[in-house]
Amino acid sequence: MTVDARGGFALCSYWFEDGESCTNLHVTNNIAGGIAYAGFLTYGHDCGDYSGDNFKDNVAHSVEGNKGGMGAYIFPDLTKPAHTSTCYEGSRFTAYKCALQGAFVFQKMKKVIFSNMLMLDNAKGMGTQIEVKGATPKEAEASLDSAEYDEILMEFHDNTFVGDIGIPDCPNTFNKGDYCIFKDKFAIFPSAVANKGKAPHITAASALPPQKIKGDSMWGGRTIWRNTVFKNFKPVHQNGQRSTVFGSSHYQPDYIPMMEFYDTTFEDVEHRALAHFIDPLEAWENIDDCGTFSCTAPKNILYKFRDTKWKGKRPASSAKDFELIHSNDGFAPYAENCKDYANDWNAYFCENDNLGILLFESLDIGRWDRALQPVRLNRQGTEMDNILNAQMDHVWDGFYTGQ
C-alpha cells in the first residue's frame, strides 16, 4: 500500500534520489506547526560552517500524521560529494511537541553532526540512523573487508533537551471532543547503522515510521554526544504518559552501537525520569524475523558517561563517570560495581570503566545463508549466561532462506 508524500517545508526533498540541485535556498526564522509527517525536509550544511542560512533558526511543533511526526528531516546535499564521503551537519533548529523525533535522518553518509538544537518535549527526542551500502551477501562471502566494518560517526554537539515544558499534550477540553495524542516520551533516540536507509519522503506504508529498520545491521557505528544538557524531566507527564531522558527504539532488533556521552549536564532530572529501556519484543518471535526466540540487541546496550555534572533534583545514583546497561538477567547481575534499578529503569547504574561491547561474527562462507543461535556467553566462576540471538531476517521469504 502506498501513502502520499507529505511534509511542510519540502526543500529539494522530492528530487533527492535523482541528485537534482536546488540553489539559493535561504530558509530562516520560519515556524511549521500542525504538519503531517515532517515540518521541514531540507539540506544540511558543510560541517563546522555556520556562515550560511540555507536552514537556520527555524521551529517545528505539533507534527504528527500516519506514523510520521519529525520536526525536521535534515539530509545530505548529494551535489556536494563531501556530504556523503566526509561529513555534513544540521544545526540551529528548535522542535517541540512532535510525535516522533524533533530532528532525524536515515541516509547514506560517513559522518553526520546535529548541533546547537533545542528539543522540547518531543516523543522520540532526536537521533540519527545511517545507511551503509556494499555489504551484500556475495561481498560478505568474498571478504570480511567490506563497508559493513567501516567506522561511521554520528555526533551530537551542544544540544539542549527539556522534558516538562508546562504545556499539556491535551487541551483542557479534550473530554468534550478536542483532538489529542497520548504518547510515552524520551529524549535520546538511539543511533544505529544498517544496509538500507530511507528516502526523505516515504510512500510505502510498510516502510513507516521513518526509523523502522528494514536491513541488516552494520558493525562500524559510533555515537558521540558532547556538551548535552537535560532539563526538567519528570517521570510522568501531565496526561499520565511516561517521560524519560533515555529510552529504546522498537525497530532496532540487531546491533546498537555504544552511546558515548561527554560533558553532559543533568538539571532537575528526577530519579524515575532518567531511563526506561525495553525488553526484546515478543512480536519478533516468529519464523520470518528472529526465529523461536526474540532478537537480543535491546538487552545488550551500553551508555557510557564521562565528566558529567548534576544540578538540582537527581536520581538516587549519580556520578561524574558512570555507565547504564540493560537489566539483562544473564549479564547485569554479574557486572562489578553496578546497582540494580530494574524496577525503575529496567537498567543498572554502573561505575565500571571495564564495560564494553564485544562484537564477533562467523567466518563461515555461508553465514548469510544460515545462522546458528543461540550463542551463550558465560563467565568462569559465575552463573553468568548471556543468551544471544543472530540478526533479524529482514526479508520476506522465511527465516532460513532469507538469511
Protein backbone atom coordinates (compact mmCIF):
# COMPACT_ATOMS: atom_id res chain seq x y z
CA MET A 1 0.00 0.00 0.00
CA THR A 2 1.24 3.49 -0.81
CA VAL A 3 0.75 6.76 1.01
CA ASP A 4 1.12 10.33 -0.21
CA ALA A 5 4.44 12.15 0.04
CA ARG A 6 3.88 14.68 2.82
CA GLY A 7 5.63 17.48 4.67
CA GLY A 8 5.51 21.17 5.48
CA PHE A 9 8.61 22.85 4.02
CA ALA A 10 9.86 20.32 1.43
CA LEU A 11 13.16 21.81 0.26
CA CYS A 12 14.52 19.84 -2.70
CA SER A 13 13.46 16.65 -0.91
CA TYR A 14 11.12 15.31 -3.63
CA TRP A 15 14.05 15.05 -6.07
CA PHE A 16 16.58 13.86 -3.50
CA GLU A 17 17.41 10.49 -5.04
CA ASP A 18 17.63 11.96 -8.55
CA GLY A 19 20.55 14.14 -7.44
CA GLU A 20 18.82 17.34 -8.52
CA SER A 21 20.34 20.54 -7.18
CA CYS A 22 18.41 23.32 -5.50
CA THR A 23 20.33 26.57 -5.27
CA ASN A 24 19.88 29.84 -3.41
CA LEU A 25 17.88 28.30 -0.58
CA HIS A 26 17.51 30.68 2.37
CA VAL A 27 15.16 29.28 4.99
CA THR A 28 15.33 31.25 8.23
CA ASN A 29 13.02 32.07 11.15
CA ASN A 30 10.05 30.01 9.94
CA ILE A 31 7.52 28.08 12.01
CA ALA A 32 5.94 24.80 10.84
CA GLY A 33 3.04 23.75 13.06
CA GLY A 34 0.32 21.12 12.79
CA ILE A 35 2.08 19.46 9.84
CA ALA A 36 1.72 15.83 8.71
CA TYR A 37 4.89 13.70 8.60
CA ALA A 38 7.67 16.36 8.88
CA GLY A 39 7.77 20.08 9.50
CA PHE A 40 10.92 20.57 7.37
CA LEU A 41 12.72 18.31 4.91
CA THR A 42 15.93 20.06 3.97
CA TYR A 43 19.64 20.01 3.22
CA GLY A 44 22.23 20.18 5.94
CA HIS A 45 25.39 22.27 5.60
CA ASP A 46 29.13 21.68 5.49
CA CYS A 47 30.46 20.54 8.85
CA GLY A 48 31.60 23.44 11.01
CA ASP A 49 30.44 26.12 8.56
CA TYR A 50 27.78 28.27 10.26
CA SER A 51 28.06 31.23 7.90
CA GLY A 52 25.17 30.22 5.65
CA ASP A 53 21.42 30.47 6.10
CA ASN A 54 20.08 27.68 3.89
CA PHE A 55 18.41 26.35 7.09
CA LYS A 56 18.75 28.43 10.23
CA ASP A 57 16.72 29.32 13.33
CA ASN A 58 13.54 27.54 12.26
CA VAL A 59 10.93 25.97 14.57
CA ALA A 60 8.61 22.98 14.18
CA HIS A 61 5.90 21.88 16.56
CA SER A 62 2.89 19.59 16.78
CA VAL A 63 3.94 17.39 13.84
CA GLU A 64 2.20 14.00 13.50
CA GLY A 65 0.16 12.04 10.95
CA ASN A 66 0.10 8.34 9.92
CA LYS A 67 3.37 7.14 11.53
CA GLY A 68 5.07 10.46 10.89
CA GLY A 69 5.97 13.24 13.28
CA MET A 70 9.50 14.58 12.69
CA GLY A 71 10.27 18.22 13.35
CA ALA A 72 12.98 18.18 10.68
CA TYR A 73 14.48 15.54 8.40
CA ILE A 74 17.90 17.01 7.61
CA PHE A 75 19.67 15.16 4.80
CA PRO A 76 22.99 15.49 2.93
CA ASP A 77 23.23 17.55 -0.25
CA LEU A 78 24.05 14.92 -2.89
CA THR A 79 25.51 17.57 -5.18
CA LYS A 80 28.29 18.07 -2.60
CA PRO A 81 30.39 14.88 -2.53
CA ALA A 82 31.86 15.75 0.87
CA HIS A 83 28.42 15.48 2.47
CA THR A 84 28.34 11.73 1.92
CA SER A 85 32.05 10.92 1.75
CA THR A 86 33.28 13.03 4.68
CA CYS A 87 30.75 14.94 6.82
CA TYR A 88 27.65 17.11 6.82
CA GLU A 89 25.81 18.89 9.64
CA GLY A 90 22.35 20.02 10.70
CA SER A 91 22.17 22.83 13.24
CA ARG A 92 20.35 25.79 14.79
CA PHE A 93 16.86 24.34 14.98
CA THR A 94 14.09 24.04 17.59
CA ALA A 95 11.31 21.46 17.82
CA TYR A 96 8.61 20.85 20.39
CA LYS A 97 5.63 18.53 20.84
CA CYS A 98 6.48 16.41 17.79
CA ALA A 99 5.11 12.85 17.70
CA LEU A 100 8.46 11.34 16.64
CA GLN A 101 11.95 12.87 16.62
CA GLY A 102 12.48 16.60 16.76
CA ALA A 103 15.32 16.06 14.24
CA PHE A 104 16.19 12.88 12.36
CA VAL A 105 17.86 11.38 9.29
CA PHE A 106 18.30 7.86 7.84
CA GLN A 107 20.61 8.31 4.85
CA LYS A 108 23.92 7.13 3.41
CA MET A 109 26.96 9.06 4.72
CA LYS A 110 30.25 8.65 6.61
CA LYS A 111 29.63 11.20 9.34
CA VAL A 112 26.75 13.38 10.49
CA ILE A 113 26.64 16.07 13.19
CA PHE A 114 23.48 17.52 14.74
CA SER A 115 24.37 20.61 16.79
CA ASN A 116 23.04 23.66 18.59
CA MET A 117 19.46 22.43 18.68
CA LEU A 118 16.74 22.87 21.29
CA MET A 119 14.41 19.89 21.73
CA LEU A 120 11.35 20.40 23.91
CA ASP A 121 9.02 17.58 24.93
CA ASN A 122 9.17 15.53 21.72
CA ALA A 123 8.07 11.90 21.80
CA LYS A 124 11.30 10.39 20.39
CA GLY A 125 13.73 13.20 21.13
CA MET A 126 16.44 13.40 18.48
CA GLY A 127 18.62 10.86 16.71
CA THR A 128 20.22 9.58 13.52
CA GLN A 129 20.45 6.32 11.64
CA ILE A 130 22.93 5.79 8.80
CA GLU A 131 22.77 3.62 5.72
CA VAL A 132 25.88 1.71 4.63
CA LYS A 133 25.79 0.13 1.19
CA GLY A 134 28.11 -2.57 -0.10
CA ALA A 135 27.66 -5.39 2.40
CA THR A 136 25.73 -7.70 0.07
CA PRO A 137 25.74 -11.43 0.77
CA LYS A 138 28.10 -12.06 -2.18
CA GLU A 139 30.56 -9.43 -0.95
CA ALA A 140 30.36 -10.80 2.56
CA GLU A 141 31.16 -14.28 1.29
CA ALA A 142 34.15 -12.98 -0.67
CA SER A 143 35.77 -10.88 2.05
CA LEU A 144 35.36 -9.53 5.54
CA ASP A 145 36.95 -6.28 4.34
CA SER A 146 33.69 -4.67 3.24
CA ALA A 147 31.79 -1.49 4.01
CA GLU A 148 29.94 -3.11 6.89
CA TYR A 149 33.06 -2.67 9.06
CA ASP A 150 33.81 0.97 8.16
CA GLU A 151 33.72 3.47 11.01
CA ILE A 152 30.54 5.53 10.75
CA LEU A 153 30.25 8.55 13.03
CA MET A 154 27.05 10.00 14.44
CA GLU A 155 27.86 13.03 16.58
CA PHE A 156 25.74 15.48 18.55
CA HIS A 157 27.21 18.75 19.85
CA ASP A 158 25.83 21.43 22.18
CA ASN A 159 22.18 20.38 22.22
CA THR A 160 19.61 21.03 24.95
CA PHE A 161 16.62 18.84 25.83
CA VAL A 162 13.75 19.92 28.07
CA GLY A 163 11.23 17.40 29.37
CA ASP A 164 8.28 19.09 31.05
CA ILE A 165 7.65 22.49 29.45
CA GLY A 166 4.38 23.14 31.31
CA ILE A 167 2.17 22.66 28.25
CA PRO A 168 -0.14 19.61 28.34
CA ASP A 169 -0.39 17.32 25.32
CA CYS A 170 -4.15 17.53 25.55
CA PRO A 171 -6.25 20.68 25.97
CA ASN A 172 -8.48 21.05 28.99
CA THR A 173 -11.50 20.47 26.77
CA PHE A 174 -10.29 17.08 25.50
CA ASN A 175 -13.23 15.21 27.01
CA LYS A 176 -15.53 17.46 25.02
CA GLY A 177 -14.18 16.12 21.74
CA ASP A 178 -10.95 18.02 21.11
CA TYR A 179 -8.07 16.31 19.26
CA CYS A 180 -5.42 14.67 21.42
CA ILE A 181 -2.49 12.23 21.15
CA PHE A 182 -1.16 10.17 24.07
CA LYS A 183 2.46 9.01 23.83
CA ASP A 184 5.23 7.86 26.15
CA LYS A 185 8.30 10.03 25.55
CA PHE A 186 12.08 10.02 25.79
CA ALA A 187 14.78 12.48 24.74
CA ILE A 188 17.63 10.44 23.22
CA PHE A 189 16.75 8.24 20.27
CA PRO A 190 19.47 5.54 20.00
CA SER A 191 21.51 5.71 16.81
CA ALA A 192 22.13 2.73 14.52
CA VAL A 193 23.69 1.74 11.19
CA ALA A 194 22.03 -0.57 8.63
CA ASN A 195 22.48 -1.52 4.99
CA LYS A 196 19.20 0.04 3.91
CA GLY A 197 18.07 3.61 4.66
CA LYS A 198 15.05 5.72 3.77
CA ALA A 199 14.23 8.45 1.28
CA PRO A 200 13.11 11.76 2.80
CA HIS A 201 9.54 11.17 1.57
CA ILE A 202 8.41 7.61 2.31
CA THR A 203 5.49 6.48 0.19
CA ALA A 204 5.42 2.76 1.06
CA ALA A 205 3.23 2.21 4.12
CA SER A 206 5.29 -0.83 5.19
CA ALA A 207 8.41 1.37 5.48
CA LEU A 208 6.86 3.67 8.06
CA PRO A 209 7.70 5.05 10.56
CA PRO A 210 10.96 6.54 9.22
CA GLN A 211 13.09 4.95 11.98
CA LYS A 212 11.88 1.44 11.07
CA ILE A 213 14.98 -0.56 10.08
CA LYS A 214 14.44 -2.94 7.15
CA GLY A 215 18.04 -4.02 6.53
CA ASP A 216 20.85 -5.85 8.30
CA SER A 217 22.83 -4.06 10.98
CA MET A 218 26.36 -2.90 10.21
CA TRP A 219 29.21 -3.07 12.69
CA GLY A 220 31.17 0.21 12.44
CA GLY A 221 28.76 2.70 14.01
CA ARG A 222 29.96 5.07 16.71
CA THR A 223 27.69 7.52 18.55
CA ILE A 224 29.15 10.52 20.43
CA TRP A 225 27.25 13.18 22.38
CA ARG A 226 29.18 16.26 23.55
CA ASN A 227 28.04 19.10 25.84
CA THR A 228 24.44 17.94 26.11
CA VAL A 229 22.03 19.48 28.63
CA PHE A 230 18.90 17.75 30.00
CA LYS A 231 16.49 19.91 31.99
CA ASN A 232 13.31 19.38 33.96
CA PHE A 233 12.48 15.74 33.36
CA LYS A 234 9.66 14.29 35.43
CA PRO A 235 8.74 10.58 35.17
CA VAL A 236 5.08 11.19 34.32
CA HIS A 237 3.57 13.80 32.02
CA GLN A 238 0.51 15.82 32.88
CA ASN A 239 -1.64 13.40 30.88
CA GLY A 240 -0.19 10.32 32.58
CA GLN A 241 2.36 9.11 30.00
CA ARG A 242 5.94 8.09 30.80
CA SER A 243 8.70 10.66 30.24
CA THR A 244 12.42 9.81 30.46
CA VAL A 245 15.76 11.04 29.18
CA PHE A 246 16.81 7.66 27.74
CA GLY A 247 14.65 5.09 26.01
CA SER A 248 14.60 2.43 23.29
CA SER A 249 13.51 2.09 19.69
CA HIS A 250 11.01 -0.65 18.85
CA TYR A 251 12.71 -1.04 15.45
CA GLN A 252 16.31 -1.92 16.43
CA PRO A 253 16.46 -5.71 16.87
CA ASP A 254 20.14 -6.03 15.89
CA TYR A 255 23.36 -4.30 16.97
CA ILE A 256 23.00 -0.95 18.77
CA PRO A 257 26.34 0.92 18.96
CA MET A 258 27.58 2.12 22.33
CA MET A 259 26.37 5.62 23.20
CA GLU A 260 29.24 7.85 24.43
CA PHE A 261 28.41 11.00 26.40
CA TYR A 262 30.99 13.64 27.32
CA ASP A 263 30.47 16.77 29.47
CA THR A 264 26.78 16.12 29.99
CA THR A 265 24.66 18.22 32.38
CA PHE A 266 21.56 16.85 34.12
CA GLU A 267 19.48 19.58 35.75
CA ASP A 268 16.36 18.68 37.71
CA VAL A 269 16.10 15.15 36.30
CA GLU A 270 14.07 13.09 38.77
CA HIS A 271 15.00 9.52 39.64
CA ARG A 272 12.45 7.59 37.57
CA ALA A 273 12.82 10.04 34.69
CA LEU A 274 16.40 9.03 33.89
CA ALA A 275 15.70 5.97 31.73
CA HIS A 276 13.28 3.28 30.64
CA PHE A 277 14.71 0.54 28.39
CA ILE A 278 12.53 -2.05 26.67
CA ASP A 279 12.97 -5.81 26.56
CA PRO A 280 13.12 -7.57 23.17
CA LEU A 281 9.66 -7.60 21.64
CA GLU A 282 7.60 -10.78 21.70
CA ALA A 283 6.37 -9.84 18.21
CA TRP A 284 9.87 -10.63 16.88
CA GLU A 285 9.50 -14.28 17.92
CA ASN A 286 8.40 -15.77 14.60
CA ILE A 287 9.93 -17.75 11.76
CA ASP A 288 10.18 -14.74 9.42
CA ASP A 289 12.01 -12.45 11.88
CA CYS A 290 14.10 -13.79 14.76
CA GLY A 291 13.10 -17.45 14.93
CA THR A 292 11.91 -19.22 18.04
CA PHE A 293 13.16 -16.58 20.49
CA SER A 294 13.42 -12.83 20.16
CA CYS A 295 16.42 -10.89 18.86
CA THR A 296 18.57 -9.74 21.75
CA ALA A 297 20.15 -6.39 20.85
CA PRO A 298 17.93 -4.32 23.21
CA LYS A 299 19.34 -6.33 26.15
CA ASN A 300 22.97 -5.69 25.18
CA ILE A 301 23.24 -1.91 25.19
CA LEU A 302 25.84 0.31 26.81
CA TYR A 303 25.61 4.03 27.58
CA LYS A 304 28.91 5.47 28.82
CA PHE A 305 29.22 8.90 30.53
CA ARG A 306 32.33 10.91 31.32
CA ASP A 307 32.74 14.30 33.07
CA THR A 308 29.07 14.55 33.98
CA LYS A 309 27.51 17.36 36.03
CA TRP A 310 24.36 17.09 38.16
CA LYS A 311 22.26 20.03 39.34
CA GLY A 312 19.09 20.21 41.41
CA LYS A 313 16.90 17.09 41.56
CA ARG A 314 18.72 13.93 40.56
CA PRO A 315 18.41 10.12 40.59
CA ALA A 316 19.27 8.02 43.63
CA SER A 317 22.62 7.23 41.98
CA SER A 318 24.68 9.90 40.27
CA ALA A 319 28.39 10.16 39.45
CA LYS A 320 30.84 12.06 37.29
CA ASP A 321 31.74 8.91 35.35
CA PHE A 322 29.25 6.06 35.02
CA GLU A 323 27.53 3.60 32.69
CA LEU A 324 23.97 2.43 32.08
CA ILE A 325 23.25 -1.12 30.94
CA HIS A 326 20.01 -3.03 30.40
CA SER A 327 18.88 -5.19 33.33
CA ASN A 328 19.71 -8.29 31.26
CA ASP A 329 19.38 -11.04 33.86
CA GLY A 330 22.00 -13.13 32.07
CA PHE A 331 24.66 -10.42 32.39
CA ALA A 332 23.87 -7.35 34.50
CA PRO A 333 23.82 -9.04 37.96
CA TYR A 334 27.37 -10.29 37.33
CA ALA A 335 28.90 -6.93 36.30
CA GLU A 336 31.04 -5.37 39.03
CA ASN A 337 30.17 -2.07 40.72
CA CYS A 338 26.64 -1.95 39.29
CA LYS A 339 23.42 -1.13 41.14
CA ASP A 340 20.11 -2.69 40.21
CA TYR A 341 17.36 -0.27 39.15
CA ALA A 342 15.39 -2.81 37.14
CA ASN A 343 12.10 -1.80 38.75
CA ASP A 344 12.62 1.89 37.95
CA TRP A 345 14.57 1.97 34.66
CA ASN A 346 14.86 -1.65 33.52
CA ALA A 347 18.57 -0.82 33.81
CA TYR A 348 21.63 -0.97 36.07
CA PHE A 349 23.72 2.05 37.09
CA CYS A 350 27.42 1.14 36.96
CA GLU A 351 30.75 2.69 37.83
CA ASN A 352 32.87 0.26 35.87
CA ASP A 353 35.31 1.51 33.24
CA ASN A 354 35.87 -2.05 32.00
CA LEU A 355 32.43 -2.36 30.41
CA GLY A 356 32.35 -2.57 26.62
CA ILE A 357 30.54 -4.25 23.73
CA LEU A 358 32.13 -7.38 22.28
CA LEU A 359 31.47 -7.92 18.56
CA PHE A 360 32.10 -11.27 16.92
CA GLU A 361 30.97 -12.83 13.66
CA SER A 362 31.05 -16.23 11.98
CA LEU A 363 33.70 -16.68 9.27
CA ASP A 364 31.62 -19.38 7.58
CA ILE A 365 31.32 -18.61 3.87
CA GLY A 366 27.61 -19.33 4.12
CA ARG A 367 26.93 -17.14 7.12
CA TRP A 368 24.36 -15.15 5.12
CA ASP A 369 22.52 -18.32 4.12
CA ARG A 370 22.14 -19.85 7.55
CA ALA A 371 22.53 -18.77 11.14
CA LEU A 372 23.47 -20.52 14.36
CA GLN A 373 21.76 -19.50 17.54
CA PRO A 374 21.55 -19.28 20.46
CA VAL A 375 25.09 -18.30 21.40
CA ARG A 376 25.62 -18.42 25.17
CA LEU A 377 28.26 -16.24 26.82
CA ASN A 378 29.44 -17.44 30.22
CA ARG A 379 31.95 -16.18 32.73
CA GLN A 380 34.07 -18.67 34.59
CA GLY A 381 33.34 -18.79 38.29
CA THR A 382 29.91 -17.15 37.96
CA GLU A 383 26.42 -18.11 36.81
CA MET A 384 26.50 -15.51 34.03
CA ASP A 385 24.61 -16.84 30.99
CA ASN A 386 24.01 -14.14 28.38
CA ILE A 387 21.96 -15.79 25.61
CA LEU A 388 22.36 -14.13 22.19
CA ASN A 389 20.33 -14.46 19.02
CA ALA A 390 21.52 -13.81 15.47
CA GLN A 391 20.32 -10.81 13.49
CA MET A 392 16.73 -10.45 12.41
CA ASP A 393 15.84 -11.75 8.97
CA HIS A 394 14.93 -8.53 7.16
CA VAL A 395 13.41 -10.09 4.03
CA TRP A 396 10.05 -11.63 3.36
CA ASP A 397 10.83 -15.22 2.37
CA GLY A 398 11.22 -17.11 5.60
CA PHE A 399 13.79 -17.40 8.36
CA TYR A 400 16.25 -19.85 6.76
CA THR A 401 16.22 -18.78 3.11
CA GLY A 402 16.18 -15.10 3.97
CA GLN A 403 19.41 -15.03 5.99
